Amino acid sequence: MAEFNIIVVQTTSGKEITVAVEPEFTIGSVLEVLVENLQLKDRFVLATEDNKILSPETTVAEAGLAEGAKIMLIPDPTGGN
């Protein structure tokens, strides 16, 4: 499957990060890469622009993400460990 770019908006800083993904990547694996690259200490989740939290098990394709799609990187609202 072809690789494409999505845009992740880090809501705490307003930064936009472009991430290359493939349709079969899971949301969890995309989140892992972001946490590592941005050296985030707190727990974060990925959500759609209308604040629907994306399950880590969902694939990029299942989430309906396509070239240029924007998703939000937000602190985990459930908190805890």
N, C-alpha and C. Protein backbone atom coordinates (compact mmCIF):
# COMPACT_ATOMS: atom_id res chain seq x y z
N MET A 1 0.85 -1.20 0.00
CA MET A 1 0.00 0.00 0.00
C MET A 1 0.88 1.25 0.00
N ALA A 2 0.36 2.29 -0.55
CA ALA A 2 1.14 3.52 -0.69
C ALA A 2 1.18 4.33 0.59
N GLU A 3 2.33 4.91 0.81
CA GLU A 3 2.54 5.79 1.96
C GLU A 3 1.95 7.16 1.63
N PHE A 4 1.43 7.84 2.65
CA PHE A 4 0.95 9.21 2.46
C PHE A 4 1.16 9.99 3.75
N ASN A 5 0.99 11.30 3.67
CA ASN A 5 1.25 12.16 4.83
C ASN A 5 -0.04 12.63 5.49
N ILE A 6 -0.03 12.61 6.82
CA ILE A 6 -1.12 13.21 7.59
C ILE A 6 -0.49 14.30 8.46
N ILE A 7 -1.31 15.21 8.92
CA ILE A 7 -0.83 16.31 9.75
C ILE A 7 -1.36 16.11 11.16
N VAL A 8 -0.43 16.14 12.11
CA VAL A 8 -0.81 15.99 13.52
C VAL A 8 -0.61 17.34 14.20
N VAL A 9 -1.67 17.83 14.83
CA VAL A 9 -1.59 19.11 15.54
C VAL A 9 -1.40 18.80 17.02
N GLN A 10 -0.27 19.26 17.57
CA GLN A 10 -0.01 19.09 19.00
C GLN A 10 -0.73 20.22 19.72
N THR A 11 -1.85 19.89 20.36
CA THR A 11 -2.72 20.92 20.91
C THR A 11 -2.09 21.70 22.05
N THR A 12 -1.13 21.10 22.76
CA THR A 12 -0.51 21.81 23.88
C THR A 12 0.44 22.91 23.42
N SER A 13 1.01 22.76 22.21
CA SER A 13 1.96 23.77 21.73
C SER A 13 1.50 24.46 20.44
N GLY A 14 0.49 23.86 19.78
CA GLY A 14 0.04 24.43 18.51
C GLY A 14 0.90 24.01 17.34
N LYS A 15 1.94 23.21 17.59
CA LYS A 15 2.82 22.75 16.52
C LYS A 15 2.10 21.78 15.60
N GLU A 16 2.42 21.85 14.32
CA GLU A 16 1.90 20.89 13.35
C GLU A 16 3.05 20.01 12.89
N ILE A 17 2.83 18.70 12.94
CA ILE A 17 3.85 17.75 12.56
C ILE A 17 3.31 16.92 11.40
N THR A 18 4.07 16.81 10.33
CA THR A 18 3.66 15.97 9.20
C THR A 18 4.26 14.59 9.43
N VAL A 19 3.41 13.57 9.33
CA VAL A 19 3.83 12.19 9.58
C VAL A 19 3.50 11.34 8.36
N ALA A 20 4.48 10.57 7.90
CA ALA A 20 4.26 9.63 6.79
C ALA A 20 3.68 8.35 7.38
N VAL A 21 2.55 7.91 6.86
CA VAL A 21 1.88 6.71 7.35
C VAL A 21 1.49 5.82 6.19
N GLU A 22 1.14 4.58 6.53
CA GLU A 22 0.57 3.66 5.56
C GLU A 22 -0.78 3.22 6.10
N PRO A 23 -1.71 2.85 5.22
CA PRO A 23 -3.08 2.53 5.66
C PRO A 23 -3.16 1.47 6.75
N GLU A 24 -2.21 0.51 6.75
CA GLU A 24 -2.29 -0.57 7.74
C GLU A 24 -1.64 -0.23 9.08
N PHE A 25 -0.98 0.93 9.18
CA PHE A 25 -0.41 1.35 10.47
C PHE A 25 -1.55 1.51 11.47
N THR A 26 -1.28 1.19 12.74
CA THR A 26 -2.30 1.43 13.77
C THR A 26 -2.13 2.84 14.33
N ILE A 27 -3.20 3.36 14.88
CA ILE A 27 -3.15 4.66 15.54
C ILE A 27 -2.13 4.61 16.67
N GLY A 28 -2.09 3.46 17.37
CA GLY A 28 -1.13 3.28 18.47
C GLY A 28 0.31 3.41 18.01
N SER A 29 0.63 2.85 16.84
CA SER A 29 2.01 2.93 16.35
C SER A 29 2.36 4.35 15.91
N VAL A 30 1.40 5.07 15.35
CA VAL A 30 1.61 6.47 14.97
C VAL A 30 1.87 7.29 16.25
N LEU A 31 1.07 7.04 17.27
CA LEU A 31 1.21 7.74 18.55
C LEU A 31 2.57 7.46 19.18
N GLU A 32 3.02 6.20 19.11
CA GLU A 32 4.32 5.82 19.66
C GLU A 32 5.45 6.62 19.02
N VAL A 33 5.42 6.75 17.70
CA VAL A 33 6.44 7.50 16.97
C VAL A 33 6.42 8.97 17.41
N LEU A 34 5.23 9.53 17.55
CA LEU A 34 5.11 10.94 17.97
C LEU A 34 5.66 11.15 19.37
N VAL A 35 5.29 10.27 20.30
CA VAL A 35 5.74 10.38 21.69
C VAL A 35 7.26 10.31 21.75
N GLU A 36 7.84 9.39 20.97
CA GLU A 36 9.29 9.24 20.94
C GLU A 36 9.97 10.46 20.33
N ASN A 37 9.50 10.89 19.17
CA ASN A 37 10.12 12.02 18.47
C ASN A 37 9.98 13.33 19.22
N LEU A 38 8.85 13.53 19.87
CA LEU A 38 8.60 14.78 20.59
C LEU A 38 9.02 14.69 22.06
N GLN A 39 9.47 13.52 22.47
CA GLN A 39 9.90 13.26 23.84
C GLN A 39 8.85 13.72 24.86
N LEU A 40 7.64 13.21 24.66
CA LEU A 40 6.53 13.59 25.53
C LEU A 40 6.58 12.77 26.82
N LYS A 41 6.34 13.44 27.93
CA LYS A 41 6.37 12.77 29.23
C LYS A 41 4.98 12.27 29.63
N ASP A 42 3.96 13.05 29.33
CA ASP A 42 2.60 12.69 29.73
C ASP A 42 1.98 11.73 28.72
N ARG A 43 0.83 11.19 29.10
CA ARG A 43 0.10 10.31 28.19
C ARG A 43 -0.73 11.16 27.22
N PHE A 44 -0.70 10.77 25.97
CA PHE A 44 -1.44 11.48 24.94
C PHE A 44 -2.31 10.51 24.16
N VAL A 45 -3.31 11.05 23.50
CA VAL A 45 -4.15 10.27 22.59
C VAL A 45 -4.27 11.05 21.29
N LEU A 46 -4.67 10.35 20.25
CA LEU A 46 -4.92 11.00 18.96
C LEU A 46 -6.43 11.08 18.77
N ALA A 47 -6.88 12.22 18.26
CA ALA A 47 -8.31 12.44 18.06
C ALA A 47 -8.53 13.12 16.72
N THR A 48 -9.76 12.97 16.21
CA THR A 48 -10.12 13.65 14.97
C THR A 48 -10.32 15.13 15.29
N GLU A 49 -10.48 15.93 14.25
CA GLU A 49 -10.67 17.37 14.46
C GLU A 49 -11.96 17.68 15.23
N ASP A 50 -12.92 16.75 15.20
CA ASP A 50 -14.15 16.98 15.98
C ASP A 50 -14.08 16.28 17.34
N ASN A 51 -12.84 16.07 17.82
CA ASN A 51 -12.56 15.53 19.17
C ASN A 51 -13.01 14.11 19.43
N LYS A 52 -13.13 13.29 18.40
CA LYS A 52 -13.44 11.87 18.60
C LYS A 52 -12.11 11.15 18.80
N ILE A 53 -11.92 10.57 19.98
CA ILE A 53 -10.66 9.89 20.29
C ILE A 53 -10.55 8.62 19.45
N LEU A 54 -9.38 8.45 18.84
CA LEU A 54 -9.13 7.29 17.98
C LEU A 54 -8.53 6.16 18.81
N SER A 55 -9.10 4.97 18.69
CA SER A 55 -8.62 3.80 19.42
C SER A 55 -7.23 3.40 18.90
N PRO A 56 -6.30 3.05 19.82
CA PRO A 56 -4.95 2.65 19.40
C PRO A 56 -4.94 1.44 18.47
N GLU A 57 -5.97 0.57 18.56
CA GLU A 57 -6.03 -0.62 17.72
C GLU A 57 -6.53 -0.33 16.31
N THR A 58 -7.15 0.81 16.11
CA THR A 58 -7.70 1.18 14.81
C THR A 58 -6.56 1.43 13.83
N THR A 59 -6.75 0.99 12.58
CA THR A 59 -5.72 1.29 11.58
C THR A 59 -6.00 2.68 11.00
N VAL A 60 -4.98 3.21 10.36
CA VAL A 60 -5.10 4.52 9.71
C VAL A 60 -6.26 4.48 8.70
N ALA A 61 -6.36 3.37 7.95
CA ALA A 61 -7.43 3.23 6.95
C ALA A 61 -8.80 3.19 7.62
N GLU A 62 -8.93 2.42 8.72
CA GLU A 62 -10.20 2.32 9.42
C GLU A 62 -10.63 3.66 10.01
N ALA A 63 -9.65 4.47 10.38
CA ALA A 63 -9.95 5.79 10.94
C ALA A 63 -10.38 6.77 9.83
N GLY A 64 -10.25 6.33 8.57
CA GLY A 64 -10.67 7.17 7.45
C GLY A 64 -9.67 8.27 7.11
N LEU A 65 -8.41 8.08 7.53
CA LEU A 65 -7.41 9.12 7.26
C LEU A 65 -6.87 8.96 5.84
N ALA A 66 -6.66 10.08 5.18
CA ALA A 66 -6.13 10.09 3.82
C ALA A 66 -5.07 11.19 3.73
N GLU A 67 -4.46 11.32 2.58
CA GLU A 67 -3.44 12.34 2.35
C GLU A 67 -3.92 13.70 2.86
N GLY A 68 -3.10 14.34 3.69
CA GLY A 68 -3.41 15.69 4.17
C GLY A 68 -4.41 15.75 5.32
N ALA A 69 -4.88 14.59 5.80
CA ALA A 69 -5.84 14.59 6.92
C ALA A 69 -5.17 15.19 8.16
N LYS A 70 -5.98 15.87 8.95
CA LYS A 70 -5.47 16.48 10.19
C LYS A 70 -6.05 15.74 11.38
N ILE A 71 -5.16 15.34 12.30
CA ILE A 71 -5.63 14.77 13.56
C ILE A 71 -4.96 15.53 14.70
N MET A 72 -5.52 15.41 15.88
CA MET A 72 -5.05 16.17 17.03
C MET A 72 -4.32 15.26 18.02
N LEU A 73 -3.21 15.75 18.54
CA LEU A 73 -2.48 15.07 19.60
C LEU A 73 -2.86 15.79 20.89
N ILE A 74 -3.64 15.13 21.74
CA ILE A 74 -4.13 15.79 22.95
C ILE A 74 -3.74 14.99 24.20
N PRO A 75 -3.58 15.69 25.33
CA PRO A 75 -3.29 14.97 26.57
C PRO A 75 -4.44 13.99 26.85
N ASP A 76 -4.10 12.81 27.37
CA ASP A 76 -5.10 11.78 27.65
C ASP A 76 -6.08 12.28 28.69
N PRO A 77 -7.36 12.43 28.29
CA PRO A 77 -8.37 12.96 29.23
C PRO A 77 -8.69 12.00 30.37
N THR A 78 -8.34 10.70 30.20
CA THR A 78 -8.65 9.75 31.26
C THR A 78 -7.61 9.77 32.37
N GLY A 79 -6.41 10.27 32.07
CA GLY A 79 -5.35 10.40 33.08
C GLY A 79 -4.91 9.06 33.61
N GLY A 80 -4.19 9.09 34.73
CA GLY A 80 -3.72 7.86 35.36
C GLY A 80 -2.62 7.17 34.57
N ASN A 81 -2.32 5.95 34.99
CA ASN A 81 -1.27 5.18 34.29
C ASN A 81 -1.88 4.09 33.48
